[in-house]
């Protein structure tokens, strides 16, 4: 039975949006075997910005890849939105990622010949949306990230920060329950990096999206709801920020 708290109905035991149970992952090169994740377990709550931090090579990008279904685990289980990803065949896994996940990468991953609007609209055409709905979502998402006036420009006409905002709009337009961001600020200066992390925080809180961000950028730590520190394939520490220093009201210019 649900209980009343601060005017909202809450469930007494909410299921984690993402869960790793005793997950192991190793990479083999020749005779060299490198253990990247070592029986790692964690649960990621919905509608929060969770940051996985740690030095290069600690396994954080591999953890993001296995939690998003981009890589298979050697042992253990990964559950996303209640589905065990290891039990899905390739087609079902691709369908899951298309319908439920969004990705933002360090390198933007934009098509040089397409305008910002076309970049955002493209994945929506594979989701079974009508053309009008796809266009509406693309326009709305670009306006939300502050690019309403620049949606007809191609990547060569945009700054690095604007390119990353196009990538965020592309992910956001899918209305995903899960948003994965791999080093989203590492190619940006301080000001643009701040805009990106503010956007990710706002998406988590205003859209109820589970945002999982991997970064070794120390500027991001104070803006996350929760910070997981990794080293040598394990979680070293897990702490919450009571009041993230992020302005979720402003719109980037």
Protein backbone atom coordinates (compact mmCIF):
# COMPACT_ATOMS: atom_id res chain seq x y z
CA UNK A 1 0.00 0.00 0.00
CA UNK A 2 1.30 3.45 -0.91
CA UNK A 3 1.90 6.04 1.76
CA UNK A 4 1.44 9.81 1.60
CA UNK A 5 4.55 11.99 1.94
CA UNK A 6 4.74 15.74 1.25
CA UNK A 7 1.61 15.56 -0.85
CA UNK A 8 2.99 12.83 -3.13
CA UNK A 9 2.30 9.12 -3.29
CA UNK A 10 5.46 7.10 -2.85
CA UNK A 11 6.00 3.39 -2.96
CA UNK A 12 7.59 1.92 0.16
CA UNK A 13 10.05 -0.20 -1.88
CA UNK A 14 10.94 1.37 -5.21
CA UNK A 15 12.72 -0.86 -7.72
CA UNK A 16 16.11 0.47 -8.87
CA UNK A 17 16.16 1.69 -12.47
CA UNK A 18 19.54 0.01 -13.02
CA UNK A 19 21.14 -2.80 -11.08
CA UNK A 20 24.41 -4.71 -11.32
CA UNK A 21 24.70 -7.92 -9.33
CA UNK A 22 28.18 -9.45 -8.89
CA UNK A 23 29.18 -8.23 -12.35
CA UNK A 24 32.58 -9.24 -13.73
CA UNK A 25 34.19 -8.22 -17.01
CA UNK A 26 37.67 -8.92 -18.37
CA UNK A 27 39.44 -8.13 -21.63
CA UNK A 28 41.96 -10.48 -23.20
CA UNK A 29 44.77 -9.33 -25.49
CA UNK A 30 47.09 -12.12 -26.55
CA UNK A 31 48.18 -13.85 -23.33
CA UNK A 32 47.27 -10.80 -21.24
CA UNK A 33 44.00 -10.89 -19.31
CA UNK A 34 42.87 -7.67 -17.64
CA UNK A 35 40.09 -7.80 -15.05
CA UNK A 36 38.16 -4.56 -15.57
CA UNK A 37 35.11 -5.19 -13.33
CA UNK A 38 35.51 -7.44 -10.33
CA UNK A 39 32.23 -8.82 -8.90
CA UNK A 40 30.76 -5.32 -8.76
CA UNK A 41 27.26 -4.72 -7.39
CA UNK A 42 25.30 -1.47 -7.31
CA UNK A 43 21.78 -0.08 -7.71
CA UNK A 44 20.97 3.21 -9.48
CA UNK A 45 17.81 5.05 -8.48
CA UNK A 46 15.40 6.60 -10.96
CA UNK A 47 15.08 10.35 -11.59
CA UNK A 48 18.56 11.16 -10.31
CA UNK A 49 21.88 12.24 -11.79
CA UNK A 50 24.41 9.64 -10.67
CA UNK A 51 28.08 10.29 -11.37
CA UNK A 52 30.68 7.54 -11.63
CA UNK A 53 34.08 9.12 -11.09
CA UNK A 54 37.60 7.78 -11.00
CA UNK A 55 40.93 7.81 -12.83
CA UNK A 56 41.37 6.67 -16.43
CA UNK A 57 41.43 2.89 -16.68
CA UNK A 58 39.47 2.27 -13.48
CA UNK A 59 36.61 0.57 -15.34
CA UNK A 60 33.99 3.31 -15.26
CA UNK A 61 33.36 3.43 -19.03
CA UNK A 62 33.17 -0.37 -19.12
CA UNK A 63 30.61 -0.24 -16.30
CA UNK A 64 28.55 2.26 -18.31
CA UNK A 65 28.77 -0.01 -21.35
CA UNK A 66 27.56 -3.13 -19.52
CA UNK A 67 24.77 -1.26 -17.69
CA UNK A 68 23.50 0.10 -21.00
CA UNK A 69 23.71 -3.27 -22.76
CA UNK A 70 26.46 -2.19 -25.17
CA UNK A 71 28.75 -4.90 -23.78
CA UNK A 72 27.99 -8.31 -22.31
CA UNK A 73 29.26 -9.31 -18.87
CA UNK A 74 31.42 -12.37 -18.17
CA UNK A 75 29.58 -13.09 -14.93
CA UNK A 76 26.77 -11.68 -12.84
CA UNK A 77 23.55 -9.93 -13.89
CA UNK A 78 22.57 -6.52 -15.23
CA UNK A 79 18.95 -5.45 -14.79
CA UNK A 80 17.57 -2.35 -16.49
CA UNK A 81 13.97 -1.23 -15.90
CA UNK A 82 13.25 -4.70 -14.54
CA UNK A 83 14.64 -6.58 -17.56
CA UNK A 84 17.71 -8.78 -17.25
CA UNK A 85 19.78 -7.68 -20.24
CA UNK A 86 21.70 -10.96 -20.44
CA UNK A 87 18.46 -12.81 -21.25
CA UNK A 88 17.62 -10.62 -24.27
CA UNK A 89 18.71 -11.70 -27.74
CA UNK A 90 20.46 -9.19 -30.02
CA UNK A 91 17.26 -7.94 -31.66
CA UNK A 92 15.46 -7.52 -28.32
CA UNK A 93 18.48 -5.72 -26.86
CA UNK A 94 18.62 -3.30 -29.80
CA UNK A 95 14.90 -2.69 -29.42
CA UNK A 96 15.34 -2.05 -25.70
CA UNK A 97 18.08 0.51 -26.32
CA UNK A 98 16.07 2.23 -29.05
CA UNK A 99 12.92 2.53 -26.96
CA UNK A 100 14.30 3.18 -23.48
CA UNK A 101 17.81 4.63 -23.61
CA UNK A 102 19.65 7.72 -24.78
CA UNK A 103 23.42 8.18 -25.14
CA UNK A 104 25.73 11.19 -24.97
CA UNK A 105 29.40 10.65 -25.79
CA UNK A 106 32.62 12.63 -25.47
CA UNK A 107 32.98 12.97 -29.25
CA UNK A 108 29.39 14.19 -29.95
CA UNK A 109 28.86 11.53 -32.72
CA UNK A 110 27.12 13.93 -35.11
CA UNK A 111 26.73 13.53 -38.88
CA UNK A 112 28.63 16.34 -40.70
CA UNK A 113 26.06 16.73 -43.49
CA UNK A 114 22.97 16.98 -41.27
CA UNK A 115 21.57 20.06 -39.56
CA UNK A 116 21.03 20.06 -35.81
CA UNK A 117 17.32 19.50 -36.40
CA UNK A 118 17.97 16.53 -38.72
CA UNK A 119 20.41 14.99 -36.21
CA UNK A 120 17.72 15.00 -33.52
CA UNK A 121 14.90 13.87 -35.81
CA UNK A 122 16.80 10.93 -37.34
CA UNK A 123 16.53 8.34 -34.50
CA UNK A 124 12.88 9.25 -33.96
CA UNK A 125 12.08 8.01 -37.46
CA UNK A 126 13.07 4.49 -36.34
CA UNK A 127 10.74 4.54 -33.32
CA UNK A 128 7.44 4.32 -35.17
CA UNK A 129 6.48 7.96 -34.57
CA UNK A 130 4.51 9.96 -37.10
CA UNK A 131 6.53 12.53 -39.02
CA UNK A 132 4.69 15.39 -37.31
CA UNK A 133 5.37 13.93 -33.85
CA UNK A 134 9.05 13.37 -34.67
CA UNK A 135 9.40 16.97 -35.85
CA UNK A 136 7.57 18.30 -32.79
CA UNK A 137 9.81 16.37 -30.42
CA UNK A 138 12.98 17.40 -32.27
CA UNK A 139 12.03 21.09 -32.18
CA UNK A 140 10.98 20.93 -28.52
CA UNK A 141 14.20 19.20 -27.44
CA UNK A 142 16.43 21.67 -29.28
CA UNK A 143 14.54 24.56 -27.70
CA UNK A 144 14.96 22.96 -24.27
CA UNK A 145 18.76 22.89 -24.65
CA UNK A 146 18.82 26.50 -25.87
CA UNK A 147 19.34 25.87 -29.59
CA UNK A 148 15.96 26.89 -30.94
CA UNK A 149 17.54 29.62 -33.07
CA UNK A 150 20.37 27.40 -34.37
CA UNK A 151 18.60 24.19 -35.29
CA UNK A 152 19.21 24.64 -39.05
CA UNK A 153 23.00 24.80 -38.67
CA UNK A 154 25.38 21.93 -39.37
CA UNK A 155 28.07 20.75 -36.92
CA UNK A 156 30.81 22.76 -38.68
CA UNK A 157 28.84 25.93 -37.86
CA UNK A 158 28.42 25.08 -34.16
CA UNK A 159 30.77 25.38 -31.20
CA UNK A 160 31.83 22.34 -29.19
CA UNK A 161 29.35 23.16 -26.45
CA UNK A 162 26.55 23.55 -28.98
CA UNK A 163 27.44 20.21 -30.61
CA UNK A 164 27.16 18.49 -27.24
CA UNK A 165 23.80 20.17 -26.64
CA UNK A 166 22.62 18.80 -30.00
CA UNK A 167 23.70 15.35 -28.82
CA UNK A 168 21.76 15.83 -25.58
CA UNK A 169 18.69 17.02 -27.51
CA UNK A 170 18.96 13.93 -29.75
CA UNK A 171 18.90 11.69 -26.68
CA UNK A 172 16.20 13.73 -24.93
CA UNK A 173 13.83 13.69 -27.91
CA UNK A 174 13.47 9.91 -27.55
CA UNK A 175 12.00 10.54 -24.06
CA UNK A 176 14.20 7.77 -22.62
CA UNK A 177 13.85 6.41 -19.11
CA UNK A 178 17.63 5.91 -19.06
CA UNK A 179 20.24 8.43 -20.24
CA UNK A 180 23.91 7.43 -20.35
CA UNK A 181 26.64 10.07 -20.65
CA UNK A 182 30.28 9.02 -21.17
CA UNK A 183 32.75 11.85 -20.45
CA UNK A 184 30.29 14.48 -21.76
CA UNK A 185 32.38 17.50 -20.70
CA UNK A 186 35.96 16.37 -21.32
CA UNK A 187 36.18 18.06 -24.73
CA UNK A 188 34.69 21.33 -23.44
CA UNK A 189 35.92 24.39 -21.57
CA UNK A 190 34.70 25.18 -18.07
CA UNK A 191 31.74 27.35 -19.10
CA UNK A 192 30.36 24.90 -21.64
CA UNK A 193 31.03 21.97 -19.33
CA UNK A 194 28.93 23.72 -16.69
CA UNK A 195 26.05 24.16 -19.13
CA UNK A 196 26.13 20.46 -20.01
CA UNK A 197 26.09 19.20 -16.42
CA UNK A 198 23.29 21.65 -15.55
CA UNK A 199 21.29 20.26 -18.46
CA UNK A 200 21.84 16.66 -17.38
CA UNK A 201 20.80 17.51 -13.82
CA UNK A 202 17.68 19.30 -15.05
CA UNK A 203 16.72 16.37 -17.30
CA UNK A 204 16.92 13.97 -14.36
CA UNK A 205 14.75 16.13 -12.13
CA UNK A 206 12.23 17.64 -14.58
CA UNK A 207 11.73 14.59 -16.83
CA UNK A 208 12.19 11.89 -14.20
CA UNK A 209 15.00 10.40 -16.29
CA UNK A 210 17.64 8.17 -14.74
CA UNK A 211 20.90 9.86 -15.78
CA UNK A 212 24.15 7.94 -15.35
CA UNK A 213 27.25 9.98 -16.11
CA UNK A 214 30.83 8.73 -16.25
CA UNK A 215 33.59 11.30 -15.85
CA UNK A 216 36.94 12.01 -14.22
CA UNK A 217 36.13 15.75 -14.39
CA UNK A 218 36.24 17.02 -10.77
CA UNK A 219 33.94 19.94 -11.65
CA UNK A 220 31.01 17.55 -11.96
CA UNK A 221 31.19 16.04 -8.50
CA UNK A 222 29.25 18.75 -6.67
CA UNK A 223 26.47 18.80 -9.27
CA UNK A 224 25.45 15.15 -9.05
CA UNK A 225 22.80 13.79 -6.70
CA UNK A 226 25.04 10.82 -6.01
CA UNK A 227 28.74 10.17 -6.61
CA UNK A 228 30.24 6.69 -6.95
CA UNK A 229 34.05 6.63 -6.89
CA UNK A 230 35.68 3.72 -8.72
CA UNK A 231 39.16 2.27 -8.64
CA UNK A 232 40.49 -1.00 -10.09
CA UNK A 233 37.07 -2.27 -11.12
CA UNK A 234 35.36 -1.73 -7.77
CA UNK A 235 33.26 0.93 -6.07
CA UNK A 236 35.43 2.63 -3.44
CA UNK A 237 32.87 5.08 -2.07
CA UNK A 238 29.21 6.00 -2.48
CA UNK A 239 27.98 9.38 -1.28
CA UNK A 240 25.03 11.67 -1.81
CA UNK A 241 25.01 15.42 -2.27
CA UNK A 242 22.18 16.92 -0.25
CA UNK A 243 21.89 20.07 -2.36
CA UNK A 244 23.63 19.85 -5.74
CA UNK A 245 25.01 23.25 -6.72
CA UNK A 246 23.21 23.27 -10.03
CA UNK A 247 20.81 25.90 -11.30
CA UNK A 248 18.07 23.85 -12.89
CA UNK A 249 15.97 26.90 -13.70
CA UNK A 250 18.12 28.78 -16.16
CA UNK A 251 18.25 28.17 -19.90
CA UNK A 252 21.64 28.07 -21.60
CA UNK A 253 22.25 30.78 -24.07
